[in-house]
Amino acid sequence: MRILLGIVWATLFSVSAAAQIELSVPNLKAPAGSSIVVPIVISSGKDIAAVQFDLQYDASQLSIPNEESVLYGDALTDHSPAVQRTPRGLRVVLFSASLSGMKDGMASVINVILRTSAGAAAGSSNALELTNLQASDVEGNQVSVTARNGSLTITSQPTEVVSVANRLVFGQVVNGTYPGGSYVTTLIFVNRTGLPTAGQVRFYKSDGAAMDVRMTDGQSGSVFSFQAPERGIVLLETDGSGPLAVGYAQLMANGPLGGTVLFSQRDAAGQPVSESGVGGSQRQAHFSVPLIFVRGQADTGIGLANQSAAAVSVSLALRDQAGAVVATRMVPLAPREHKAQFASEHFSLLATMPEFNGSIEVLSSSPIGAIALKLQGTLLTTFPVVEIR
């Protein structure tokens, strides 16, 4: 990443105060002489157009390998980074030229690659401190921000997964047998960093309980941890055994990973019948799903996944091709709950129409994961939802 200088930070602020947010660094562990991704996480950045902070650490024990060691975080929209090295670490400025807010919900703003000293003693702890913290909202008003510091402890064990950072949601997974065949789900993760990155994926049933699956490599359970090789991929494929189960999955990783979910329908002999894939998504609070409905032939469904420990309220608005609202519905989601329903199940008036093309606008009280699916006969097509800002 190029080091950008000459930012006139003072012009981004006025004196008014906005809502409280938190910027945090996790507590991490890494072996001596290794590199690790350190995520800087914001609790809620939807109104933050600019933020500045210093990341301080013991430069005799920790170092930044090169200028490519600061990576964009999942919270950013069109924010541009300016990074300058200091005697005790880094000074970071993130700002939006269009005065756009960051993405809603908890997410990383940047990910910093740090290398531990080869001579660092096992068990020693290095403080990771956030100082000189300032932020402004989309109107240029100052936002009160608190810092929660972390640490990096030298250990002989591999890096642990930080659950609050770099999350992706797969709003629908399916596995198991049905009369005449089976369904399997394949998750593919791509490491976007230049060093191994720890990750973990969890499977949930629609009621939020753990969803146990067996993978083709013999692993079984609902939680699968992995180390993604630098610039490499990780592939997890369920084997289609057991009763048919539907739910969702959540990826958590120390570094930024890309993800894709692939659904496969197989016949009784295990041969592919149909297959469809879609990328993982960030949690969103406001988005739209394109809708294609042909009575008796095609319908579009939405998988909604609430990964939080609190209930959320989801409002659905059915819009025609001209954008007019023709029906609305409220859908409550309990903590960890997943609901997958077709448009005709949400809106009974579709049953009176020969066909309908439009969209379903979704507004949630808190960010959720989502995926759209179109079923025509036995042909299943998946596609991502469209974020509305």
Protein backbone atom coordinates (compact mmCIF):
# COMPACT_ATOMS: atom_id res chain seq x y z
CA MET A 1 0.00 0.00 0.00
CA ARG A 2 1.37 3.40 -0.91
CA ILE A 3 2.00 5.75 1.98
CA LEU A 4 -0.17 8.81 1.39
CA LEU A 5 0.87 12.09 2.95
CA GLY A 6 -0.40 15.64 3.02
CA ILE A 7 -3.86 14.91 4.47
CA VAL A 8 -5.40 17.99 6.05
CA TRP A 9 -7.25 16.18 8.82
CA ALA A 10 -8.61 19.27 10.57
CA THR A 11 -10.91 20.10 7.67
CA LEU A 12 -12.89 16.92 8.28
CA PHE A 13 -14.15 17.94 11.71
CA SER A 14 -16.51 20.37 13.39
CA VAL A 15 -17.24 20.39 17.13
CA SER A 16 -20.55 18.53 17.45
CA ALA A 17 -20.64 15.08 19.04
CA ALA A 18 -22.32 11.99 17.58
CA ALA A 19 -23.06 8.50 18.85
CA GLN A 20 -20.44 6.49 20.74
CA ILE A 21 -18.49 3.81 18.89
CA GLU A 22 -15.57 1.57 19.80
CA LEU A 23 -12.38 0.83 17.88
CA SER A 24 -10.59 -2.24 19.15
CA VAL A 25 -7.56 -4.49 18.74
CA PRO A 26 -7.95 -8.15 19.79
CA ASN A 27 -5.68 -10.24 21.99
CA LEU A 28 -3.63 -12.46 19.69
CA LYS A 29 -1.06 -15.24 19.91
CA ALA A 30 1.70 -16.05 17.42
CA PRO A 31 5.04 -17.92 17.38
CA ALA A 32 8.35 -16.02 17.44
CA GLY A 33 9.67 -15.14 13.98
CA SER A 34 6.24 -15.41 12.33
CA SER A 35 3.86 -12.95 10.70
CA ILE A 36 0.29 -12.39 11.81
CA VAL A 37 -2.68 -10.35 10.61
CA VAL A 38 -3.90 -7.89 13.26
CA PRO A 39 -7.48 -6.72 12.56
CA ILE A 40 -8.54 -3.25 13.75
CA VAL A 41 -12.29 -3.58 14.37
CA ILE A 42 -15.03 -0.93 14.59
CA SER A 43 -18.22 -1.69 16.51
CA SER A 44 -20.48 0.34 14.22
CA GLY A 45 -19.22 2.53 11.39
CA LYS A 46 -22.33 3.27 9.33
CA ASP A 47 -22.13 7.02 10.03
CA ILE A 48 -18.33 7.32 10.02
CA ALA A 49 -16.92 9.18 7.02
CA ALA A 50 -13.41 9.60 8.45
CA VAL A 51 -11.33 8.18 11.28
CA GLN A 52 -7.73 8.68 12.42
CA PHE A 53 -5.70 6.72 14.96
CA ASP A 54 -2.20 5.56 15.87
CA LEU A 55 -1.42 1.87 16.35
CA GLN A 56 1.47 1.68 18.82
CA TYR A 57 3.61 -1.32 19.74
CA ASP A 58 7.16 -2.25 20.83
CA ALA A 59 9.17 -1.77 17.63
CA SER A 60 12.01 -3.90 19.04
CA GLN A 61 9.69 -6.92 19.20
CA LEU A 62 7.24 -6.28 16.35
CA SER A 63 7.72 -4.89 12.84
CA ILE A 64 5.87 -4.27 9.60
CA PRO A 65 7.40 -6.32 6.77
CA ASN A 66 6.71 -3.86 3.92
CA GLU A 67 4.39 -1.17 2.57
CA GLU A 68 1.93 -3.83 1.41
CA SER A 69 1.29 -4.85 5.01
CA VAL A 70 -1.81 -2.71 5.59
CA LEU A 71 -4.91 -4.28 4.01
CA TYR A 72 -8.39 -2.85 3.47
CA GLY A 73 -11.01 -3.95 5.99
CA ASP A 74 -14.54 -5.20 5.41
CA ALA A 75 -16.11 -2.07 6.96
CA LEU A 76 -14.86 0.29 4.24
CA THR A 77 -16.95 1.50 1.33
CA ASP A 78 -15.15 4.12 -0.77
CA HIS A 79 -12.78 5.12 2.03
CA SER A 80 -9.16 5.80 1.06
CA PRO A 81 -6.33 4.99 3.48
CA ALA A 82 -3.36 7.17 4.34
CA VAL A 83 -0.69 5.33 6.33
CA GLN A 84 2.49 6.76 7.82
CA ARG A 85 5.08 4.95 9.89
CA THR A 86 5.94 6.45 13.28
CA PRO A 87 8.75 5.60 15.74
CA ARG A 88 6.26 3.51 17.74
CA GLY A 89 4.11 2.04 14.98
CA LEU A 90 1.63 3.43 12.45
CA ARG A 91 -0.56 6.49 11.97
CA VAL A 92 -3.67 5.63 9.96
CA VAL A 93 -6.20 7.99 8.34
CA LEU A 94 -9.29 6.57 6.62
CA PHE A 95 -11.59 9.01 4.84
CA SER A 96 -14.38 9.04 2.28
CA ALA A 97 -14.10 11.68 -0.44
CA SER A 98 -17.86 11.35 -1.05
CA LEU A 99 -18.58 11.59 2.71
CA SER A 100 -20.07 8.10 2.74
CA GLY A 101 -20.38 6.09 5.91
CA MET A 102 -18.78 2.73 6.49
CA LYS A 103 -20.76 -0.49 6.34
CA ASP A 104 -23.21 -1.19 9.15
CA GLY A 105 -22.33 -3.55 11.97
CA MET A 106 -19.08 -4.77 13.51
CA ALA A 107 -16.27 -5.22 10.98
CA SER A 108 -12.56 -4.60 10.44
CA VAL A 109 -11.48 -1.17 9.17
CA ILE A 110 -7.94 -2.28 8.34
CA ASN A 111 -5.80 -5.38 8.79
CA VAL A 112 -2.14 -4.84 9.69
CA ILE A 113 0.49 -7.53 9.10
CA LEU A 114 3.03 -7.60 11.92
CA ARG A 115 6.11 -9.79 12.19
CA THR A 116 7.30 -11.00 15.59
CA SER A 117 10.99 -10.96 16.49
CA ALA A 118 12.77 -14.28 15.99
CA GLY A 119 14.36 -13.86 19.41
CA ALA A 120 11.13 -13.10 21.27
CA ALA A 121 10.73 -15.15 24.44
CA ALA A 122 7.82 -17.59 24.64
CA GLY A 123 5.12 -16.22 26.93
CA SER A 124 6.14 -12.59 26.52
CA SER A 125 3.31 -10.16 25.77
CA ASN A 126 3.45 -7.06 23.57
CA ALA A 127 0.87 -4.31 23.98
CA LEU A 128 -1.11 -3.19 20.90
CA GLU A 129 -2.43 0.27 21.71
CA LEU A 130 -4.78 2.65 19.86
CA THR A 131 -4.08 6.33 20.57
CA ASN A 132 -4.85 9.78 19.09
CA LEU A 133 -8.29 8.56 18.09
CA GLN A 134 -10.59 10.93 16.17
CA ALA A 135 -13.60 10.39 13.94
CA SER A 136 -16.19 12.40 12.01
CA ASP A 137 -19.62 11.53 10.67
CA VAL A 138 -21.01 12.07 7.19
CA GLU A 139 -21.85 15.70 8.05
CA GLY A 140 -18.38 16.49 9.37
CA ASN A 141 -19.38 16.37 13.05
CA GLN A 142 -16.97 14.89 15.55
CA VAL A 143 -17.89 11.41 16.81
CA SER A 144 -16.94 10.22 20.29
CA VAL A 145 -14.83 7.08 19.94
CA THR A 146 -13.37 4.85 22.63
CA ALA A 147 -10.37 2.59 22.16
CA ARG A 148 -10.03 -0.97 23.45
CA ASN A 149 -6.41 -2.08 23.33
CA GLY A 150 -5.13 -5.59 22.74
CA SER A 151 -1.94 -7.60 22.92
CA LEU A 152 0.21 -10.06 21.01
CA THR A 153 1.59 -12.93 23.08
CA ILE A 154 4.46 -15.11 21.88
CA THR A 155 3.50 -18.77 21.89
CA SER A 156 4.53 -22.06 20.30
CA GLN A 157 0.97 -22.70 19.13
CA PRO A 158 -0.55 -21.64 15.76
CA THR A 159 -2.46 -18.37 15.56
CA GLU A 160 -5.96 -18.50 17.06
CA VAL A 161 -9.08 -17.24 15.31
CA VAL A 162 -10.49 -13.86 16.33
CA SER A 163 -14.27 -14.20 16.15
CA VAL A 164 -15.09 -10.50 15.74
CA ALA A 165 -13.01 -9.92 12.63
CA ASN A 166 -13.37 -10.53 8.89
CA ARG A 167 -16.72 -12.31 8.83
CA LEU A 168 -18.62 -13.67 5.86
CA VAL A 169 -22.15 -15.08 5.92
CA PHE A 170 -23.49 -17.86 3.71
CA GLY A 171 -27.25 -17.34 4.05
CA GLN A 172 -28.17 -20.86 2.99
CA VAL A 173 -26.53 -24.27 3.32
CA VAL A 174 -28.13 -27.66 2.72
CA ASN A 175 -26.96 -31.21 3.28
CA GLY A 176 -28.49 -34.67 3.43
CA THR A 177 -30.54 -37.21 1.58
CA TYR A 178 -34.02 -37.06 0.07
CA PRO A 179 -36.00 -39.74 -1.82
CA GLY A 180 -33.99 -40.32 -4.98
CA GLY A 181 -30.87 -38.34 -4.17
CA SER A 182 -28.98 -35.96 -1.91
CA TYR A 183 -27.79 -32.37 -1.52
CA VAL A 184 -24.25 -31.28 -0.66
CA THR A 185 -22.76 -27.86 0.08
CA THR A 186 -19.21 -26.86 -0.81
CA LEU A 187 -17.52 -23.84 0.78
CA ILE A 188 -14.44 -22.39 -0.91
CA PHE A 189 -12.31 -19.77 0.86
CA VAL A 190 -9.61 -17.75 -0.89
CA ASN A 191 -6.81 -16.16 1.15
CA ARG A 192 -6.30 -12.59 -0.05
CA THR A 193 -3.18 -12.06 2.08
CA GLY A 194 0.48 -12.95 1.55
CA LEU A 195 0.73 -15.13 4.66
CA PRO A 196 -1.14 -18.06 6.22
CA THR A 197 -4.40 -16.96 7.86
CA ALA A 198 -6.38 -18.75 10.55
CA GLY A 199 -10.09 -19.21 10.01
CA GLN A 200 -13.14 -20.99 11.34
CA VAL A 201 -16.53 -21.82 9.84
CA ARG A 202 -19.64 -22.65 11.87
CA PHE A 203 -22.79 -24.38 10.60
CA TYR A 204 -26.19 -23.52 12.09
CA LYS A 205 -29.64 -25.04 11.67
CA SER A 206 -32.58 -22.76 10.92
CA ASP A 207 -33.48 -22.61 14.63
CA GLY A 208 -29.97 -21.42 15.50
CA ALA A 209 -28.79 -24.72 16.95
CA ALA A 210 -25.51 -26.23 15.82
CA MET A 211 -25.81 -28.13 12.54
CA ASP A 212 -23.62 -31.23 12.45
CA VAL A 213 -22.32 -32.29 9.05
CA ARG A 214 -19.69 -34.69 7.78
CA MET A 215 -17.09 -33.53 5.28
CA THR A 216 -15.67 -35.58 2.43
CA ASP A 217 -12.27 -35.55 4.17
CA GLY A 218 -13.76 -37.38 7.17
CA GLN A 219 -14.17 -34.44 9.56
CA SER A 220 -17.48 -34.25 11.42
CA GLY A 221 -19.14 -31.60 13.57
CA SER A 222 -20.56 -28.10 13.32
CA VAL A 223 -17.31 -26.10 13.72
CA PHE A 224 -14.30 -26.47 11.42
CA SER A 225 -11.02 -24.61 11.96
CA PHE A 226 -8.38 -24.23 9.29
CA GLN A 227 -5.19 -22.44 8.22
CA ALA A 228 -5.52 -20.86 4.76
CA PRO A 229 -2.14 -20.92 2.92
CA GLU A 230 -0.82 -17.61 1.61
CA ARG A 231 -2.70 -16.80 -1.63
CA GLY A 232 -4.16 -20.30 -1.37
CA ILE A 233 -7.64 -21.77 -0.94
CA VAL A 234 -9.48 -23.95 1.56
CA LEU A 235 -12.24 -26.28 0.34
CA LEU A 236 -14.83 -27.81 2.67
CA GLU A 237 -17.40 -30.14 1.08
CA THR A 238 -20.18 -31.94 2.93
CA ASP A 239 -20.69 -35.56 1.94
CA GLY A 240 -24.50 -35.46 1.62
CA SER A 241 -25.07 -38.10 4.31
CA GLY A 242 -27.73 -38.05 7.03
CA PRO A 243 -31.24 -36.55 7.12
CA LEU A 244 -31.85 -33.50 4.95
CA ALA A 245 -30.95 -30.35 6.91
CA VAL A 246 -31.09 -26.67 5.95
CA GLY A 247 -29.45 -23.70 7.65
CA TYR A 248 -26.63 -21.19 7.21
CA ALA A 249 -22.89 -20.88 7.80
CA GLN A 250 -20.61 -18.14 9.11
CA LEU A 251 -16.92 -17.70 8.36
CA MET A 252 -14.61 -15.90 10.80
CA ALA A 253 -10.95 -15.26 10.04
CA ASN A 254 -7.98 -13.26 11.28
CA GLY A 255 -7.32 -11.94 7.78
CA PRO A 256 -9.53 -10.97 4.84
CA LEU A 257 -10.78 -14.04 2.98
CA GLY A 258 -13.07 -14.31 -0.02
CA GLY A 259 -15.71 -17.02 -0.03
CA THR A 260 -18.07 -18.92 -2.32
CA VAL A 261 -20.82 -21.43 -1.53
CA LEU A 262 -21.74 -24.10 -4.08
CA PHE A 263 -24.98 -26.14 -3.89
CA SER A 264 -25.06 -29.54 -5.62
CA GLN A 265 -28.05 -31.82 -6.17
CA ARG A 266 -27.16 -35.47 -6.84
CA ASP A 267 -29.19 -38.49 -7.89
CA ALA A 268 -29.33 -41.84 -6.09
CA ALA A 269 -26.09 -42.91 -7.79
CA GLY A 270 -24.29 -39.79 -6.59
CA GLN A 271 -24.15 -38.19 -10.02
CA PRO A 272 -24.69 -34.40 -10.32
CA VAL A 273 -28.18 -33.27 -11.34
CA SER A 274 -27.79 -29.52 -10.91
CA GLU A 275 -25.34 -27.11 -9.35
CA SER A 276 -25.32 -23.42 -8.44
CA GLY A 277 -23.00 -21.11 -6.54
CA VAL A 278 -22.89 -17.63 -4.99
CA GLY A 279 -20.34 -15.59 -3.07
CA GLY A 280 -20.42 -15.06 0.66
CA SER A 281 -21.71 -11.70 1.85
CA GLN A 282 -21.16 -9.15 4.56
CA ARG A 283 -24.04 -8.66 6.98
CA GLN A 284 -26.39 -5.94 5.78
CA ALA A 285 -29.38 -4.07 7.20
CA HIS A 286 -30.88 -2.71 3.96
CA PHE A 287 -30.86 -4.56 0.64
CA SER A 288 -33.00 -5.68 -2.27
CA VAL A 289 -33.66 -9.06 -3.89
CA PRO A 290 -34.62 -9.25 -7.59
CA LEU A 291 -37.84 -11.26 -7.95
CA ILE A 292 -38.98 -13.50 -10.80
CA PHE A 293 -42.29 -15.33 -10.30
CA VAL A 294 -44.23 -17.47 -12.79
CA ARG A 295 -47.17 -19.32 -11.23
CA GLY A 296 -46.57 -23.04 -11.16
CA GLN A 297 -43.14 -22.70 -12.81
CA ALA A 298 -40.70 -20.34 -11.11
CA ASP A 299 -40.36 -18.64 -7.74
CA THR A 300 -37.65 -16.66 -5.92
CA GLY A 301 -36.76 -17.31 -2.32
CA ILE A 302 -34.75 -15.48 0.33
CA GLY A 303 -32.59 -17.04 3.01
CA LEU A 304 -32.28 -14.71 6.02
CA ALA A 305 -29.77 -15.48 8.78
CA ASN A 306 -29.51 -13.65 12.11
CA GLN A 307 -26.04 -14.41 13.49
CA SER A 308 -26.43 -12.17 16.56
CA ALA A 309 -27.47 -13.09 20.09
CA ALA A 310 -30.38 -10.64 19.94
CA ALA A 311 -33.70 -10.82 18.07
CA VAL A 312 -34.13 -8.62 14.99
CA SER A 313 -37.19 -7.36 13.14
CA VAL A 314 -37.14 -7.57 9.33
CA SER A 315 -39.48 -5.57 7.09
CA LEU A 316 -40.20 -6.86 3.57
CA ALA A 317 -41.64 -4.62 0.85
CA LEU A 318 -42.79 -6.17 -2.44
CA ARG A 319 -42.13 -3.73 -5.30
CA ASP A 320 -43.26 -4.00 -8.92
CA GLN A 321 -41.08 -3.17 -11.93
CA ALA A 322 -41.96 0.52 -11.61
CA GLY A 323 -40.76 0.53 -7.99
CA ALA A 324 -44.21 0.88 -6.41
CA VAL A 325 -44.85 -1.00 -3.15
CA VAL A 326 -47.69 -3.48 -3.62
CA ALA A 327 -47.44 -5.40 -0.33
CA THR A 328 -45.48 -5.44 2.94
CA ARG A 329 -44.72 -7.97 5.65
CA MET A 330 -42.82 -8.14 8.96
CA VAL A 331 -40.60 -11.14 9.64
CA PRO A 332 -39.18 -11.57 13.17
CA LEU A 333 -35.90 -13.44 13.54
CA ALA A 334 -34.97 -14.91 16.92
CA PRO A 335 -31.31 -14.99 18.01
CA ARG A 336 -29.28 -17.23 15.63
CA GLU A 337 -32.44 -18.00 13.64
CA HIS A 338 -32.52 -18.66 9.90
CA LYS A 339 -35.60 -18.46 7.68
CA ALA A 340 -35.79 -19.47 4.04
CA GLN A 341 -39.08 -18.87 2.22
CA PHE A 342 -40.24 -18.21 -1.31
CA ALA A 343 -41.80 -14.91 -2.34
CA SER A 344 -45.19 -16.62 -2.79
CA GLU A 345 -45.02 -17.76 0.86
CA HIS A 346 -44.29 -14.22 2.05
CA PHE A 347 -46.91 -12.55 -0.18
CA SER A 348 -50.10 -14.54 -0.86
CA LEU A 349 -51.27 -12.10 -3.57
CA LEU A 350 -48.67 -13.61 -5.93
CA ALA A 351 -50.82 -16.74 -6.12
CA THR A 352 -53.49 -14.66 -7.92
CA MET A 353 -51.06 -13.49 -10.62
CA PRO A 354 -49.85 -15.46 -13.65
CA GLU A 355 -46.42 -13.86 -13.27
CA PHE A 356 -44.68 -11.03 -11.45
CA ASN A 357 -41.30 -9.38 -11.98
CA GLY A 358 -40.03 -6.90 -9.43
CA SER A 359 -38.07 -6.96 -6.19
CA ILE A 360 -38.32 -7.45 -2.46
CA GLU A 361 -36.77 -4.66 -0.41
CA VAL A 362 -35.48 -5.81 2.97
CA LEU A 363 -34.93 -3.50 5.95
CA SER A 364 -33.65 -5.08 9.16
CA SER A 365 -33.29 -3.55 12.63
CA SER A 366 -29.73 -4.99 12.72
CA PRO A 367 -27.44 -6.35 10.00
CA ILE A 368 -28.21 -9.90 8.86
CA GLY A 369 -26.91 -12.34 6.27
CA ALA A 370 -28.94 -13.10 3.16
CA ILE A 371 -28.96 -15.05 -0.08
CA ALA A 372 -31.45 -15.20 -2.96
CA LEU A 373 -32.48 -18.40 -4.74
CA LYS A 374 -34.63 -18.94 -7.85
CA LEU A 375 -36.26 -22.33 -8.37
CA GLN A 376 -37.64 -23.33 -11.77
CA GLY A 377 -38.61 -26.98 -11.87
CA THR A 378 -35.56 -28.81 -10.52
CA LEU A 379 -33.21 -26.03 -11.65
CA LEU A 380 -31.85 -23.97 -8.74
CA THR A 381 -30.15 -20.63 -9.37
CA THR A 382 -28.53 -18.52 -6.66
CA PHE A 383 -27.55 -14.87 -6.77
CA PRO A 384 -26.35 -12.23 -4.29
CA VAL A 385 -28.61 -9.59 -2.83
CA VAL A 386 -28.20 -5.91 -3.82
CA GLU A 387 -27.10 -3.60 -1.02
CA ILE A 388 -29.03 -0.33 -0.56
CA ARG A 389 -27.22 2.56 1.12
